[in-house]
Amino acid sequence: MVVNGRGRGVVVTTGSQTVLGSIATEVKEAEGIQAPLQQKFHKFSKRIGFVVLAASILLFLIGIFIGENLKEMFMTAVAAAVATIPEGLPVVLTIALAVGVRRMAKRHAIIRKLAAVETLGSTTVICTDKTGTLTKNEMTVKVISDGEHVFDVTGSGYNLEGEILHEWMVPTEEERKNLFMALRTGLLCNESHLFKEDEEVKVDGDPTEGALIVSALKGGLTPEKEKNVYKQMAILPFESERGFMATLHRNDHKKLIFIKGAPEKVLDLCTGCLVTEGLGQKRSFRRLTGLQKKACGS
């Protein structure tokens, strides 16, 4: 069993030939299950049909037996069969379900399909995830600290529309000096990338790393330009035991290491700070704990 490290994979099947593809195909072809009320309705309709058919045949035979015309008795039997079928039954059923939908809406339960009213109405236990919602598996950087200033990030998900503000104002050039280094760290110390699909921005890789790339784009950094200026030489992948990820880059004649990870792990590696306030102190550590993105230089 492989528990860590890096490797190469060989693609042997794609699309519907894969296991996940075959499951998706079977799910798509699966027929929907009828609600109990629908099943009862169909059984009742069949019974009425058999009774009407038997009564029509009996009426036809009695008419022939007493000497009535064959054509007239046939028309009489068909007319009796049609008149006996309750055409208003589906309408009554629909009205009853609509009333159920209205009652459920008053209890803050919106139902899209009428047939689901009976099933949901008879439900006694509902199991949900721990948050009570279904998530989109997207993450968003909302707050950034460069060690001296705290910035707010607007926008949500992987939508590139948004900006970085300091006290809800556009930051000055001096305020953005260390911010760019924090954004650059999240952008370059990264193994994921963004791509567009149906006019939507999606992430190929870890959702957290995708959120860091989006925040860098909101700050004005360009991935292609940054990767050309800071060429990657080596990478130390993230491991849960290690608690951080690091990449080695060359910038002109200098070599830089960008690190991202758990704050306590990163702070243990620091020997100095880019700003006057010591990030290693407890007061600064508490300040960084609640932030979604941290920046420290060493």
Protein backbone atom coordinates (compact mmCIF):
# COMPACT_ATOMS: atom_id res chain seq x y z
CA MET A 1 0.00 0.00 0.00
CA VAL A 2 1.31 3.45 -0.94
CA VAL A 3 0.76 5.95 1.89
CA ASN A 4 2.79 8.96 0.69
CA GLY A 5 5.16 10.22 -1.98
CA ARG A 6 4.68 10.84 -5.70
CA GLY A 7 4.15 8.49 -8.64
CA ARG A 8 2.96 8.18 -12.24
CA GLY A 9 -0.32 6.59 -13.29
CA VAL A 10 -1.27 4.85 -16.53
CA VAL A 11 -4.78 5.43 -17.92
CA VAL A 12 -6.28 2.13 -19.09
CA THR A 13 -9.94 3.10 -19.56
CA THR A 14 -11.94 6.32 -19.79
CA GLY A 15 -15.55 7.46 -19.76
CA SER A 16 -18.28 4.84 -19.41
CA GLN A 17 -15.73 1.99 -19.48
CA THR A 18 -14.46 2.91 -16.03
CA VAL A 19 -16.09 1.71 -12.81
CA LEU A 20 -17.39 5.19 -11.97
CA GLY A 21 -18.61 5.59 -15.56
CA SER A 22 -20.56 2.34 -15.41
CA ILE A 23 -22.13 3.41 -12.10
CA ALA A 24 -23.15 6.75 -13.62
CA THR A 25 -24.69 4.94 -16.61
CA GLU A 26 -26.69 2.60 -14.38
CA VAL A 27 -27.91 5.50 -12.23
CA LYS A 28 -29.00 7.39 -15.34
CA GLU A 29 -30.93 4.38 -16.65
CA ALA A 30 -32.56 3.57 -13.31
CA GLU A 31 -36.31 3.97 -13.22
CA GLY A 32 -37.90 6.13 -10.57
CA ILE A 33 -39.80 4.47 -7.76
CA GLN A 34 -43.50 5.26 -7.56
CA ALA A 35 -44.94 6.69 -4.37
CA PRO A 36 -47.28 4.44 -2.33
CA LEU A 37 -50.29 6.55 -3.34
CA GLN A 38 -49.43 6.13 -7.03
CA GLN A 39 -49.09 2.36 -6.61
CA LYS A 40 -52.50 2.20 -4.91
CA PHE A 41 -53.98 4.38 -7.66
CA HIS A 42 -52.72 2.03 -10.39
CA LYS A 43 -53.99 -1.07 -8.56
CA PHE A 44 -57.40 0.56 -8.08
CA SER A 45 -57.54 1.54 -11.77
CA LYS A 46 -56.80 -2.03 -12.85
CA ARG A 47 -59.53 -3.39 -10.61
CA ILE A 48 -62.05 -0.89 -11.97
CA GLY A 49 -60.99 -1.80 -15.50
CA PHE A 50 -61.58 -5.52 -14.94
CA VAL A 51 -64.96 -4.89 -13.29
CA VAL A 52 -66.10 -2.55 -16.10
CA LEU A 53 -64.91 -4.99 -18.78
CA ALA A 54 -66.76 -7.90 -17.13
CA ALA A 55 -69.94 -5.83 -16.68
CA SER A 56 -69.83 -4.65 -20.33
CA ILE A 57 -69.43 -8.22 -21.61
CA LEU A 58 -72.27 -9.38 -19.38
CA LEU A 59 -74.50 -6.54 -20.59
CA PHE A 60 -73.68 -7.37 -24.20
CA LEU A 61 -74.51 -11.08 -23.73
CA ILE A 62 -77.79 -10.33 -21.93
CA GLY A 63 -78.85 -8.02 -24.76
CA ILE A 64 -78.07 -10.62 -27.40
CA PHE A 65 -79.88 -13.26 -25.32
CA ILE A 66 -83.14 -11.25 -25.19
CA GLY A 67 -82.99 -10.58 -28.94
CA GLU A 68 -81.53 -7.05 -29.24
CA ASN A 69 -79.58 -5.94 -32.34
CA LEU A 70 -75.90 -6.91 -32.32
CA LYS A 71 -74.65 -3.48 -33.42
CA GLU A 72 -76.84 -1.62 -30.94
CA MET A 73 -75.79 -3.87 -28.05
CA PHE A 74 -72.10 -3.38 -28.93
CA MET A 75 -72.51 0.41 -28.90
CA THR A 76 -74.49 0.18 -25.64
CA ALA A 77 -71.76 -1.94 -23.97
CA VAL A 78 -69.00 0.46 -25.09
CA ALA A 79 -70.97 3.50 -23.91
CA ALA A 80 -71.61 1.88 -20.54
CA ALA A 81 -67.91 1.04 -20.13
CA VAL A 82 -66.83 4.59 -20.96
CA ALA A 83 -69.44 6.10 -18.65
CA THR A 84 -68.41 3.86 -15.76
CA ILE A 85 -64.71 4.88 -15.81
CA PRO A 86 -64.21 7.69 -13.20
CA GLU A 87 -62.49 10.44 -15.24
CA GLY A 88 -62.50 12.75 -12.23
CA LEU A 89 -60.34 10.44 -10.10
CA PRO A 90 -56.95 11.80 -11.37
CA VAL A 91 -58.20 15.36 -10.83
CA VAL A 92 -59.23 14.56 -7.26
CA LEU A 93 -55.84 12.92 -6.63
CA THR A 94 -53.98 15.96 -7.98
CA ILE A 95 -56.02 18.34 -5.84
CA ALA A 96 -55.38 16.24 -2.74
CA LEU A 97 -51.61 16.25 -3.39
CA ALA A 98 -51.65 20.01 -4.07
CA VAL A 99 -53.29 20.59 -0.71
CA GLY A 100 -50.56 18.47 0.87
CA VAL A 101 -47.87 20.60 -0.83
CA ARG A 102 -49.48 23.74 0.56
CA ARG A 103 -49.57 22.33 4.07
CA MET A 104 -45.92 21.25 3.85
CA ALA A 105 -44.95 24.73 2.59
CA LYS A 106 -46.48 26.22 5.73
CA ARG A 107 -44.09 23.99 7.66
CA HIS A 108 -41.16 25.40 5.63
CA ALA A 109 -40.77 22.29 3.43
CA ILE A 110 -40.79 23.09 -0.30
CA ILE A 111 -41.69 20.07 -2.48
CA ARG A 112 -40.95 20.07 -6.21
CA LYS A 113 -42.87 16.92 -7.21
CA LEU A 114 -46.44 16.28 -6.11
CA ALA A 115 -45.87 12.54 -5.84
CA ALA A 116 -43.31 13.11 -3.07
CA VAL A 117 -45.87 14.67 -0.71
CA GLU A 118 -47.18 11.40 0.67
CA THR A 119 -43.70 9.90 1.14
CA LEU A 120 -42.34 13.00 2.85
CA GLY A 121 -45.48 13.42 4.92
CA SER A 122 -45.08 9.94 6.38
CA THR A 123 -41.36 10.41 7.14
CA THR A 124 -40.44 10.16 10.83
CA VAL A 125 -36.63 10.49 10.68
CA ILE A 126 -34.49 12.70 8.38
CA CYS A 127 -30.71 12.14 8.34
CA THR A 128 -28.45 15.02 7.23
CA ASP A 129 -24.73 15.78 7.36
CA LYS A 130 -23.25 17.58 10.35
CA THR A 131 -23.88 21.05 8.89
CA GLY A 132 -27.40 20.28 7.68
CA THR A 133 -26.51 21.42 4.16
CA LEU A 134 -25.03 20.03 0.97
CA THR A 135 -21.71 21.71 0.18
CA LYS A 136 -20.24 22.56 -3.24
CA ASN A 137 -16.72 21.45 -2.24
CA GLU A 138 -15.48 25.00 -2.81
CA MET A 139 -13.41 27.12 -0.46
CA THR A 140 -12.86 30.88 -0.34
CA VAL A 141 -10.17 33.03 1.24
CA LYS A 142 -12.03 35.68 3.25
CA VAL A 143 -9.29 37.20 5.44
CA ILE A 144 -5.55 37.66 4.83
CA SER A 145 -2.90 38.80 7.30
CA ASP A 146 0.60 39.85 6.26
CA GLY A 147 1.72 40.06 9.89
CA GLU A 148 1.05 43.79 10.12
CA HIS A 149 -2.26 44.44 8.34
CA VAL A 150 -5.46 42.42 8.04
CA PHE A 151 -7.22 42.43 4.67
CA ASP A 152 -10.76 41.39 3.75
CA VAL A 153 -11.43 39.51 0.51
CA THR A 154 -14.77 39.89 -1.29
CA GLY A 155 -16.41 37.32 -3.56
CA SER A 156 -17.22 33.67 -2.98
CA GLY A 157 -16.21 30.32 -4.41
CA TYR A 158 -13.90 30.26 -7.41
CA ASN A 159 -15.52 33.28 -9.02
CA LEU A 160 -12.73 35.70 -9.93
CA GLU A 161 -14.93 38.71 -9.30
CA GLY A 162 -13.79 40.30 -6.06
CA GLU A 163 -11.12 42.48 -4.54
CA ILE A 164 -8.86 42.74 -1.51
CA LEU A 165 -9.63 45.60 0.88
CA HIS A 166 -7.97 47.01 4.02
CA GLU A 167 -10.60 48.25 6.47
CA TRP A 168 -12.99 48.06 3.49
CA MET A 169 -10.89 50.55 1.53
CA VAL A 170 -8.53 49.98 -1.39
CA PRO A 171 -5.10 49.36 0.22
CA THR A 172 -2.23 51.74 -0.48
CA GLU A 173 1.00 50.73 -2.19
CA GLU A 174 2.79 50.59 1.17
CA GLU A 175 0.07 48.39 2.68
CA ARG A 176 0.24 45.98 -0.24
CA LYS A 177 4.00 45.48 -0.03
CA ASN A 178 3.88 42.44 2.25
CA LEU A 179 0.46 41.41 0.96
CA PHE A 180 1.93 40.55 -2.44
CA MET A 181 4.49 38.26 -0.80
CA ALA A 182 1.71 36.45 1.10
CA LEU A 183 -0.32 36.04 -2.11
CA ARG A 184 2.78 34.93 -4.00
CA THR A 185 3.45 32.25 -1.40
CA GLY A 186 -0.05 30.83 -1.77
CA LEU A 187 0.19 30.97 -5.56
CA LEU A 188 3.61 29.37 -6.04
CA CYS A 189 3.62 26.94 -3.13
CA ASN A 190 0.78 25.15 -4.89
CA GLU A 191 0.13 22.00 -6.92
CA SER A 192 -3.31 22.90 -8.30
CA HIS A 193 -4.45 25.04 -11.22
CA LEU A 194 -7.63 26.72 -12.45
CA PHE A 195 -9.48 26.00 -15.69
CA LYS A 196 -12.74 27.07 -17.29
CA GLU A 197 -15.60 24.68 -18.08
CA ASP A 198 -18.92 25.98 -19.42
CA GLU A 199 -17.89 29.54 -18.49
CA GLU A 200 -17.33 28.45 -14.87
CA VAL A 201 -13.96 28.51 -13.13
CA LYS A 202 -13.06 25.15 -11.62
CA VAL A 203 -10.05 23.76 -9.80
CA ASP A 204 -7.95 20.78 -10.78
CA GLY A 205 -6.56 19.78 -7.41
CA ASP A 206 -7.13 20.62 -3.76
CA PRO A 207 -9.99 23.09 -3.01
CA THR A 208 -7.84 24.94 -0.45
CA GLU A 209 -5.05 25.49 -2.96
CA GLY A 210 -7.62 26.59 -5.54
CA ALA A 211 -8.87 29.24 -3.10
CA LEU A 212 -5.30 30.52 -2.66
CA ILE A 213 -4.88 30.86 -6.44
CA VAL A 214 -8.16 32.78 -6.73
CA SER A 215 -7.09 35.17 -3.95
CA ALA A 216 -3.80 35.83 -5.74
CA LEU A 217 -5.67 36.65 -8.95
CA LYS A 218 -7.94 39.03 -7.04
CA GLY A 219 -4.81 40.73 -5.72
CA GLY A 220 -3.50 41.34 -9.24
CA LEU A 221 -0.89 38.59 -9.56
CA THR A 222 -0.56 36.64 -12.81
CA PRO A 223 0.33 32.93 -12.41
CA GLU A 224 2.30 32.69 -15.68
CA LYS A 225 4.37 35.80 -14.91
CA GLU A 226 5.07 34.78 -11.32
CA LYS A 227 6.15 31.27 -12.35
CA ASN A 228 8.55 32.74 -14.92
CA VAL A 229 10.07 35.20 -12.44
CA TYR A 230 10.21 32.60 -9.63
CA LYS A 231 11.14 29.37 -11.41
CA GLN A 232 10.44 26.27 -9.33
CA MET A 233 13.47 24.07 -8.66
CA ALA A 234 12.17 21.54 -6.12
CA ILE A 235 9.07 20.72 -4.12
CA LEU A 236 8.41 19.20 -0.72
CA PRO A 237 4.83 17.83 -0.87
CA PHE A 238 2.40 18.29 2.00
CA GLU A 239 2.20 15.43 4.47
CA SER A 240 -0.10 15.35 7.49
CA GLU A 241 2.80 14.30 9.74
CA ARG A 242 4.92 17.22 8.50
CA GLY A 243 2.10 19.76 8.58
CA PHE A 244 3.40 22.00 5.79
CA MET A 245 4.38 22.15 2.11
CA ALA A 246 7.45 23.91 0.70
CA THR A 247 8.76 24.80 -2.76
CA LEU A 248 12.23 26.02 -3.79
CA HIS A 249 12.40 28.81 -6.39
CA ARG A 250 15.12 30.75 -8.19
CA ASN A 251 14.75 34.52 -8.60
CA ASP A 252 17.65 36.03 -10.54
CA HIS A 253 20.65 34.89 -8.52
CA LYS A 254 18.74 34.24 -5.31
CA LYS A 255 16.98 31.13 -4.08
CA LEU A 256 13.76 31.37 -2.10
CA ILE A 257 11.69 28.82 -0.20
CA PHE A 258 7.94 29.37 -0.01
CA ILE A 259 6.11 27.52 2.77
CA LYS A 260 2.44 27.12 3.61
CA GLY A 261 0.86 24.98 6.31
CA ALA A 262 -0.31 24.89 9.89
CA PRO A 263 0.65 28.12 11.73
CA GLU A 264 2.33 26.34 14.63
CA LYS A 265 4.49 24.32 12.21
CA VAL A 266 5.46 27.34 10.11
CA LEU A 267 6.21 29.55 13.14
CA ASP A 268 8.54 26.88 14.52
CA LEU A 269 10.65 27.21 11.35
CA CYS A 270 10.88 31.02 11.52
CA THR A 271 14.02 32.75 12.78
CA GLY A 272 12.90 36.31 12.00
CA CYS A 273 10.00 38.38 10.79
CA LEU A 274 9.30 40.78 7.92
CA VAL A 275 7.55 43.23 10.27
CA THR A 276 8.43 44.70 13.64
CA GLU A 277 5.92 42.66 15.61
CA GLY A 278 7.16 39.20 16.58
CA LEU A 279 4.90 36.57 15.07
CA GLY A 280 6.33 33.92 17.38
CA GLN A 281 4.82 35.54 20.45
CA LYS A 282 1.59 34.17 21.90
CA ARG A 283 -0.28 37.42 21.24
CA SER A 284 0.52 37.28 17.53
CA PHE A 285 -0.18 33.56 17.33
CA ARG A 286 -3.71 34.08 18.68
CA ARG A 287 -4.21 36.83 16.11
CA LEU A 288 -3.32 34.46 13.27
CA THR A 289 -5.25 31.42 14.48
CA GLY A 290 -8.64 32.46 13.10
CA LEU A 291 -7.35 33.51 9.67
CA GLN A 292 -7.64 31.35 6.57
CA LYS A 293 -4.29 32.41 5.16
CA LYS A 294 -1.02 33.14 6.95
CA ALA A 295 2.19 34.74 5.81
CA CYS A 296 5.58 34.73 7.50
CA GLY A 297 9.11 35.23 6.18
CA SER A 298 12.28 33.64 7.43
